[in-house]
Amino acid sequence: DLGGCNGDPENAWEEGRWTSWSVDDI
């Protein structure tokens, strides 16, 4: 349902660095 990003946010979506959080992560 939610997520973050690995590293710098610039171009993160295009570079596939967005993450999804699991319930355990949350």
PDB file of all heavy atoms in Angstrom:
ATOM      1  N   ASP A   1       0.823  -1.217   0.000  1.00  0.00           N
ATOM      2  CA  ASP A   1       0.000   0.000   0.000  1.00  0.00           C
ATOM      3  C   ASP A   1       0.855   1.265   0.000  1.00  0.00           C
ATOM      4  O   ASP A   1       0.445   2.292  -0.531  1.00  0.00           O
ATOM      5  CB  ASP A   1      -0.940   0.027   1.209  1.00  0.00           C
ATOM      6  CG  ASP A   1      -2.182  -0.819   0.997  1.00  0.00           C
ATOM      7  OD1 ASP A   1      -2.429  -1.267  -0.137  1.00  0.00           O
ATOM      8  OD2 ASP A   1      -2.921  -1.033   1.987  1.00  0.00           O
ATOM      9  N   LEU A   2       2.010   1.207   0.608  1.00  0.00           N
ATOM     10  CA  LEU A   2       2.918   2.349   0.662  1.00  0.00           C
ATOM     11  C   LEU A   2       4.323   1.884   0.299  1.00  0.00           C
ATOM     12  O   LEU A   2       4.592   0.690   0.238  1.00  0.00           O
ATOM     13  CB  LEU A   2       2.930   2.965   2.060  1.00  0.00           C
ATOM     14  CG  LEU A   2       1.620   3.582   2.546  1.00  0.00           C
ATOM     15  CD1 LEU A   2       1.727   3.960   4.011  1.00  0.00           C
ATOM     16  CD2 LEU A   2       1.257   4.795   1.716  1.00  0.00           C
ATOM     17  N   GLY A   3       5.207   2.838   0.078  1.00  0.00           N
ATOM     18  CA  GLY A   3       6.580   2.475  -0.246  1.00  0.00           C
ATOM     19  C   GLY A   3       7.490   3.675  -0.217  1.00  0.00           C
ATOM     20  O   GLY A   3       7.060   4.796   0.021  1.00  0.00           O
ATOM     21  N   GLY A   4       8.741   3.421  -0.487  1.00  0.00           N
ATOM     22  CA  GLY A   4       9.742   4.477  -0.451  1.00  0.00           C
ATOM     23  C   GLY A   4      10.613   4.444  -1.681  1.00  0.00           C
ATOM     24  O   GLY A   4      10.162   4.119  -2.773  1.00  0.00           O
ATOM     25  N   CYS A   5      11.876   4.738  -1.486  1.00  0.00           N
ATOM     26  CA  CYS A   5      12.820   4.822  -2.598  1.00  0.00           C
ATOM     27  C   CYS A   5      14.215   4.469  -2.091  1.00  0.00           C
ATOM     28  O   CYS A   5      14.581   4.828  -0.974  1.00  0.00           O
ATOM     29  CB  CYS A   5      12.803   6.237  -3.146  1.00  0.00           C
ATOM     30  SG  CYS A   5      14.064   6.577  -4.365  1.00  0.00           S
ATOM     31  N   ASN A   6      14.969   3.785  -2.910  1.00  0.00           N
ATOM     32  CA  ASN A   6      16.370   3.507  -2.606  1.00  0.00           C
ATOM     33  C   ASN A   6      17.221   4.613  -3.213  1.00  0.00           C
ATOM     34  O   ASN A   6      17.212   4.806  -4.423  1.00  0.00           O
ATOM     35  CB  ASN A   6      16.801   2.156  -3.186  1.00  0.00           C
ATOM     36  CG  ASN A   6      16.164   0.995  -2.470  1.00  0.00           C
ATOM     37  OD1 ASN A   6      15.957   1.042  -1.267  1.00  0.00           O
ATOM     38  ND2 ASN A   6      15.832  -0.043  -3.208  1.00  0.00           N
ATOM     39  N   GLY A   7      17.939   5.332  -2.378  1.00  0.00           N
ATOM     40  CA  GLY A   7      18.839   6.374  -2.873  1.00  0.00           C
ATOM     41  C   GLY A   7      18.144   7.693  -3.145  1.00  0.00           C
ATOM     42  O   GLY A   7      17.065   7.977  -2.637  1.00  0.00           O
ATOM     43  N   ASP A   8      18.776   8.497  -3.978  1.00  0.00           N
ATOM     44  CA  ASP A   8      18.302   9.825  -4.342  1.00  0.00           C
ATOM     45  C   ASP A   8      16.980   9.729  -5.109  1.00  0.00           C
ATOM     46  O   ASP A   8      16.843   8.909  -6.017  1.00  0.00           O
ATOM     47  CB  ASP A   8      19.376  10.503  -5.204  1.00  0.00           C
ATOM     48  CG  ASP A   8      19.016  11.919  -5.579  1.00  0.00           C
ATOM     49  OD1 ASP A   8      18.252  12.561  -4.839  1.00  0.00           O
ATOM     50  OD2 ASP A   8      19.499  12.396  -6.623  1.00  0.00           O
ATOM     51  N   PRO A   9      15.993  10.576  -4.759  1.00  0.00           N
ATOM     52  CA  PRO A   9      14.704  10.487  -5.438  1.00  0.00           C
ATOM     53  C   PRO A   9      14.718  10.890  -6.918  1.00  0.00           C
ATOM     54  O   PRO A   9      13.839  10.479  -7.674  1.00  0.00           O
ATOM     55  CB  PRO A   9      13.799  11.426  -4.646  1.00  0.00           C
ATOM     56  CG  PRO A   9      14.641  12.171  -3.714  1.00  0.00           C
ATOM     57  CD  PRO A   9      15.977  11.519  -3.656  1.00  0.00           C
ATOM     58  N   GLU A  10      15.718  11.662  -7.345  1.00  0.00           N
ATOM     59  CA  GLU A  10      15.740  12.112  -8.742  1.00  0.00           C
ATOM     60  C   GLU A  10      15.882  10.921  -9.691  1.00  0.00           C
ATOM     61  O   GLU A  10      16.783  10.100  -9.560  1.00  0.00           O
ATOM     62  CB  GLU A  10      16.884  13.098  -8.971  1.00  0.00           C
ATOM     63  CG  GLU A  10      16.789  13.757 -10.334  1.00  0.00           C
ATOM     64  CD  GLU A  10      17.688  14.960 -10.471  1.00  0.00           C
ATOM     65  OE1 GLU A  10      18.089  15.521  -9.435  1.00  0.00           O
ATOM     66  OE2 GLU A  10      17.979  15.321 -11.605  1.00  0.00           O
ATOM     67  N   ASN A  11      14.960  10.820 -10.631  1.00  0.00           N
ATOM     68  CA  ASN A  11      14.893   9.746 -11.637  1.00  0.00           C
ATOM     69  C   ASN A  11      14.719   8.349 -11.035  1.00  0.00           C
ATOM     70  O   ASN A  11      14.963   7.353 -11.706  1.00  0.00           O
ATOM     71  CB  ASN A  11      16.120   9.750 -12.550  1.00  0.00           C
ATOM     72  CG  ASN A  11      16.233  11.012 -13.362  1.00  0.00           C
ATOM     73  OD1 ASN A  11      15.231  11.588 -13.775  1.00  0.00           O
ATOM     74  ND2 ASN A  11      17.447  11.471 -13.568  1.00  0.00           N
ATOM     75  N   ALA A  12      14.296   8.272  -9.785  1.00  0.00           N
ATOM     76  CA  ALA A  12      14.173   6.974  -9.117  1.00  0.00           C
ATOM     77  C   ALA A  12      13.109   6.098  -9.764  1.00  0.00           C
ATOM     78  O   ALA A  12      13.294   4.889  -9.896  1.00  0.00           O
ATOM     79  CB  ALA A  12      13.858   7.166  -7.639  1.00  0.00           C
ATOM     80  N   TRP A  13      11.972   6.699 -10.163  1.00  0.00           N
ATOM     81  CA  TRP A  13      10.912   5.907 -10.792  1.00  0.00           C
ATOM     82  C   TRP A  13      11.414   5.324 -12.110  1.00  0.00           C
ATOM     83  O   TRP A  13      11.267   4.130 -12.373  1.00  0.00           O
ATOM     84  CB  TRP A  13       9.674   6.771 -11.027  1.00  0.00           C
ATOM     85  CG  TRP A  13       8.636   6.072 -11.848  1.00  0.00           C
ATOM     86  CD1 TRP A  13       8.319   6.313 -13.157  1.00  0.00           C
ATOM     87  CD2 TRP A  13       7.790   4.995 -11.439  1.00  0.00           C
ATOM     88  NE1 TRP A  13       7.332   5.470 -13.582  1.00  0.00           N
ATOM     89  CE2 TRP A  13       6.985   4.634 -12.547  1.00  0.00           C
ATOM     90  CE3 TRP A  13       7.631   4.287 -10.252  1.00  0.00           C
ATOM     91  CZ2 TRP A  13       6.042   3.620 -12.496  1.00  0.00           C
ATOM     92  CZ3 TRP A  13       6.695   3.281 -10.209  1.00  0.00           C
ATOM     93  CH2 TRP A  13       5.913   2.955 -11.322  1.00  0.00           C
ATOM     94  N   GLU A  14      12.030   6.149 -12.918  1.00  0.00           N
ATOM     95  CA  GLU A  14      12.527   5.700 -14.210  1.00  0.00           C
ATOM     96  C   GLU A  14      13.619   4.642 -14.076  1.00  0.00           C
ATOM     97  O   GLU A  14      13.747   3.767 -14.922  1.00  0.00           O
ATOM     98  CB  GLU A  14      13.073   6.893 -15.021  1.00  0.00           C
ATOM     99  CG  GLU A  14      12.033   7.925 -15.413  1.00  0.00           C
ATOM    100  CD  GLU A  14      11.709   8.937 -14.315  1.00  0.00           C
ATOM    101  OE1 GLU A  14      12.279   8.838 -13.207  1.00  0.00           O
ATOM    102  OE2 GLU A  14      10.885   9.818 -14.558  1.00  0.00           O
ATOM    103  N   GLU A  15      14.394   4.736 -13.021  1.00  0.00           N
ATOM    104  CA  GLU A  15      15.497   3.796 -12.805  1.00  0.00           C
ATOM    105  C   GLU A  15      15.080   2.578 -11.982  1.00  0.00           C
ATOM    106  O   GLU A  15      15.916   1.740 -11.655  1.00  0.00           O
ATOM    107  CB  GLU A  15      16.659   4.525 -12.111  1.00  0.00           C
ATOM    108  CG  GLU A  15      17.261   5.618 -12.984  1.00  0.00           C
ATOM    109  CD  GLU A  15      18.256   6.490 -12.239  1.00  0.00           C
ATOM    110  OE1 GLU A  15      18.566   6.187 -11.058  1.00  0.00           O
ATOM    111  OE2 GLU A  15      18.725   7.487 -12.824  1.00  0.00           O
ATOM    112  N   GLY A  16      13.801   2.485 -11.653  1.00  0.00           N
ATOM    113  CA  GLY A  16      13.296   1.317 -10.932  1.00  0.00           C
ATOM    114  C   GLY A  16      13.745   1.217  -9.489  1.00  0.00           C
ATOM    115  O   GLY A  16      13.891   0.126  -8.957  1.00  0.00           O
ATOM    116  N   ARG A  17      13.945   2.367  -8.830  1.00  0.00           N
ATOM    117  CA  ARG A  17      14.418   2.341  -7.446  1.00  0.00           C
ATOM    118  C   ARG A  17      13.322   2.591  -6.421  1.00  0.00           C
ATOM    119  O   ARG A  17      13.580   2.686  -5.243  1.00  0.00           O
ATOM    120  CB  ARG A  17      15.557   3.348  -7.265  1.00  0.00           C
ATOM    121  CG  ARG A  17      16.819   2.947  -8.014  1.00  0.00           C
ATOM    122  CD  ARG A  17      17.996   3.861  -7.719  1.00  0.00           C
ATOM    123  NE  ARG A  17      17.840   5.136  -8.421  1.00  0.00           N
ATOM    124  CZ  ARG A  17      17.662   6.314  -7.819  1.00  0.00           C
ATOM    125  NH1 ARG A  17      17.625   6.397  -6.515  1.00  0.00           N
ATOM    126  NH2 ARG A  17      17.529   7.421  -8.530  1.00  0.00           N
ATOM    127  N   TRP A  18      12.063   2.723  -6.882  1.00  0.00           N
ATOM    128  CA  TRP A  18      10.969   2.838  -5.924  1.00  0.00           C
ATOM    129  C   TRP A  18      10.757   1.476  -5.294  1.00  0.00           C
ATOM    130  O   TRP A  18      10.886   0.445  -5.940  1.00  0.00           O
ATOM    131  CB  TRP A  18       9.696   3.291  -6.627  1.00  0.00           C
ATOM    132  CG  TRP A  18       9.562   4.784  -6.735  1.00  0.00           C
ATOM    133  CD1 TRP A  18      10.571   5.698  -6.661  1.00  0.00           C
ATOM    134  CD2 TRP A  18       8.371   5.521  -6.963  1.00  0.00           C
ATOM    135  NE1 TRP A  18      10.079   6.963  -6.835  1.00  0.00           N
ATOM    136  CE2 TRP A  18       8.714   6.878  -7.028  1.00  0.00           C
ATOM    137  CE3 TRP A  18       7.053   5.169  -7.127  1.00  0.00           C
ATOM    138  CZ2 TRP A  18       7.781   7.881  -7.228  1.00  0.00           C
ATOM    139  CZ3 TRP A  18       6.130   6.174  -7.340  1.00  0.00           C
ATOM    140  CH2 TRP A  18       6.488   7.514  -7.381  1.00  0.00           C
ATOM    141  N   THR A  19      10.402   1.473  -4.017  1.00  0.00           N
ATOM    142  CA  THR A  19      10.168   0.220  -3.303  1.00  0.00           C
ATOM    143  C   THR A  19       8.739   0.185  -2.770  1.00  0.00           C
ATOM    144  O   THR A  19       8.103   1.225  -2.604  1.00  0.00           O
ATOM    145  CB  THR A  19      11.133   0.073  -2.115  1.00  0.00           C
ATOM    146  OG1 THR A  19      10.895   1.148  -1.195  1.00  0.00           O
ATOM    147  CG2 THR A  19      12.574   0.091  -2.561  1.00  0.00           C
ATOM    148  N   SER A  20       8.257  -1.008  -2.517  1.00  0.00           N
ATOM    149  CA  SER A  20       6.976  -1.201  -1.835  1.00  0.00           C
ATOM    150  C   SER A  20       7.275  -1.755  -0.456  1.00  0.00           C
ATOM    151  O   SER A  20       8.109  -2.635  -0.313  1.00  0.00           O
ATOM    152  CB  SER A  20       6.102  -2.194  -2.598  1.00  0.00           C
ATOM    153  OG  SER A  20       5.697  -1.645  -3.823  1.00  0.00           O
ATOM    154  N   TRP A  21       6.568  -1.229   0.541  1.00  0.00           N
ATOM    155  CA  TRP A  21       6.784  -1.697   1.900  1.00  0.00           C
ATOM    156  C   TRP A  21       5.858  -2.850   2.225  1.00  0.00           C
ATOM    157  O   TRP A  21       4.663  -2.812   1.913  1.00  0.00           O
ATOM    158  CB  TRP A  21       6.550  -0.577   2.904  1.00  0.00           C
ATOM    159  CG  TRP A  21       7.517   0.553   2.817  1.00  0.00           C
ATOM    160  CD1 TRP A  21       8.808   0.503   2.382  1.00  0.00           C
ATOM    161  CD2 TRP A  21       7.284   1.912   3.176  1.00  0.00           C
ATOM    162  NE1 TRP A  21       9.389   1.743   2.459  1.00  0.00           N
ATOM    163  CE2 TRP A  21       8.476   2.623   2.941  1.00  0.00           C
ATOM    164  CE3 TRP A  21       6.198   2.595   3.678  1.00  0.00           C
ATOM    165  CZ2 TRP A  21       8.592   3.986   3.198  1.00  0.00           C
ATOM    166  CZ3 TRP A  21       6.308   3.949   3.928  1.00  0.00           C
ATOM    167  CH2 TRP A  21       7.498   4.631   3.694  1.00  0.00           C
ATOM    168  N   SER A  22       6.385  -3.852   2.880  1.00  0.00           N
ATOM    169  CA  SER A  22       5.559  -4.947   3.386  1.00  0.00           C
ATOM    170  C   SER A  22       4.993  -4.514   4.736  1.00  0.00           C
ATOM    171  O   SER A  22       5.408  -3.498   5.312  1.00  0.00           O
ATOM    172  CB  SER A  22       6.393  -6.213   3.551  1.00  0.00           C
ATOM    173  OG  SER A  22       7.313  -6.053   4.615  1.00  0.00           O
ATOM    174  N   VAL A  23       4.062  -5.281   5.253  1.00  0.00           N
ATOM    175  CA  VAL A  23       3.504  -5.013   6.576  1.00  0.00           C
ATOM    176  C   VAL A  23       4.619  -5.047   7.628  1.00  0.00           C
ATOM    177  O   VAL A  23       4.636  -4.219   8.549  1.00  0.00           O
ATOM    178  CB  VAL A  23       2.388  -6.036   6.891  1.00  0.00           C
ATOM    179  CG1 VAL A  23       1.988  -5.994   8.346  1.00  0.00           C
ATOM    180  CG2 VAL A  23       1.181  -5.770   6.007  1.00  0.00           C
ATOM    181  N   ASP A  24       5.558  -5.964   7.475  1.00  0.00           N
ATOM    182  CA  ASP A  24       6.684  -6.032   8.412  1.00  0.00           C
ATOM    183  C   ASP A  24       7.539  -4.771   8.343  1.00  0.00           C
ATOM    184  O   ASP A  24       7.997  -4.265   9.372  1.00  0.00           O
ATOM    185  CB  ASP A  24       7.549  -7.261   8.133  1.00  0.00           C
ATOM    186  CG  ASP A  24       6.822  -8.567   8.412  1.00  0.00           C
ATOM    187  OD1 ASP A  24       5.887  -8.567   9.248  1.00  0.00           O
ATOM    188  OD2 ASP A  24       7.180  -9.581   7.796  1.00  0.00           O
ATOM    189  N   ASP A  25       7.766  -4.252   7.124  1.00  0.00           N
ATOM    190  CA  ASP A  25       8.519  -3.000   6.957  1.00  0.00           C
ATOM    191  C   ASP A  25       7.799  -1.841   7.641  1.00  0.00           C
ATOM    192  O   ASP A  25       8.417  -1.024   8.336  1.00  0.00           O
ATOM    193  CB  ASP A  25       8.711  -2.657   5.481  1.00  0.00           C
ATOM    194  CG  ASP A  25       9.562  -3.650   4.730  1.00  0.00           C
ATOM    195  OD1 ASP A  25      10.408  -4.318   5.362  1.00  0.00           O
ATOM    196  OD2 ASP A  25       9.378  -3.765   3.492  1.00  0.00           O
ATOM    197  N   ILE A  26       6.475  -1.764   7.423  1.00  0.00           N
ATOM    198  CA  ILE A  26       5.676  -0.687   8.020  1.00  0.00           C
ATOM    199  C   ILE A  26       5.742  -0.771   9.541  1.00  0.00           C
ATOM    200  O   ILE A  26       5.944   0.250  10.221  1.00  0.00           O
ATOM    201  CB  ILE A  26       4.217  -0.746   7.514  1.00  0.00           C
ATOM    202  CG1 ILE A  26       4.162  -0.406   6.010  1.00  0.00           C
ATOM    203  CG2 ILE A  26       3.321   0.204   8.302  1.00  0.00           C
ATOM    204  CD1 ILE A  26       2.811  -0.657   5.361  1.00  0.00           C
TER     205      ILE A  26
END
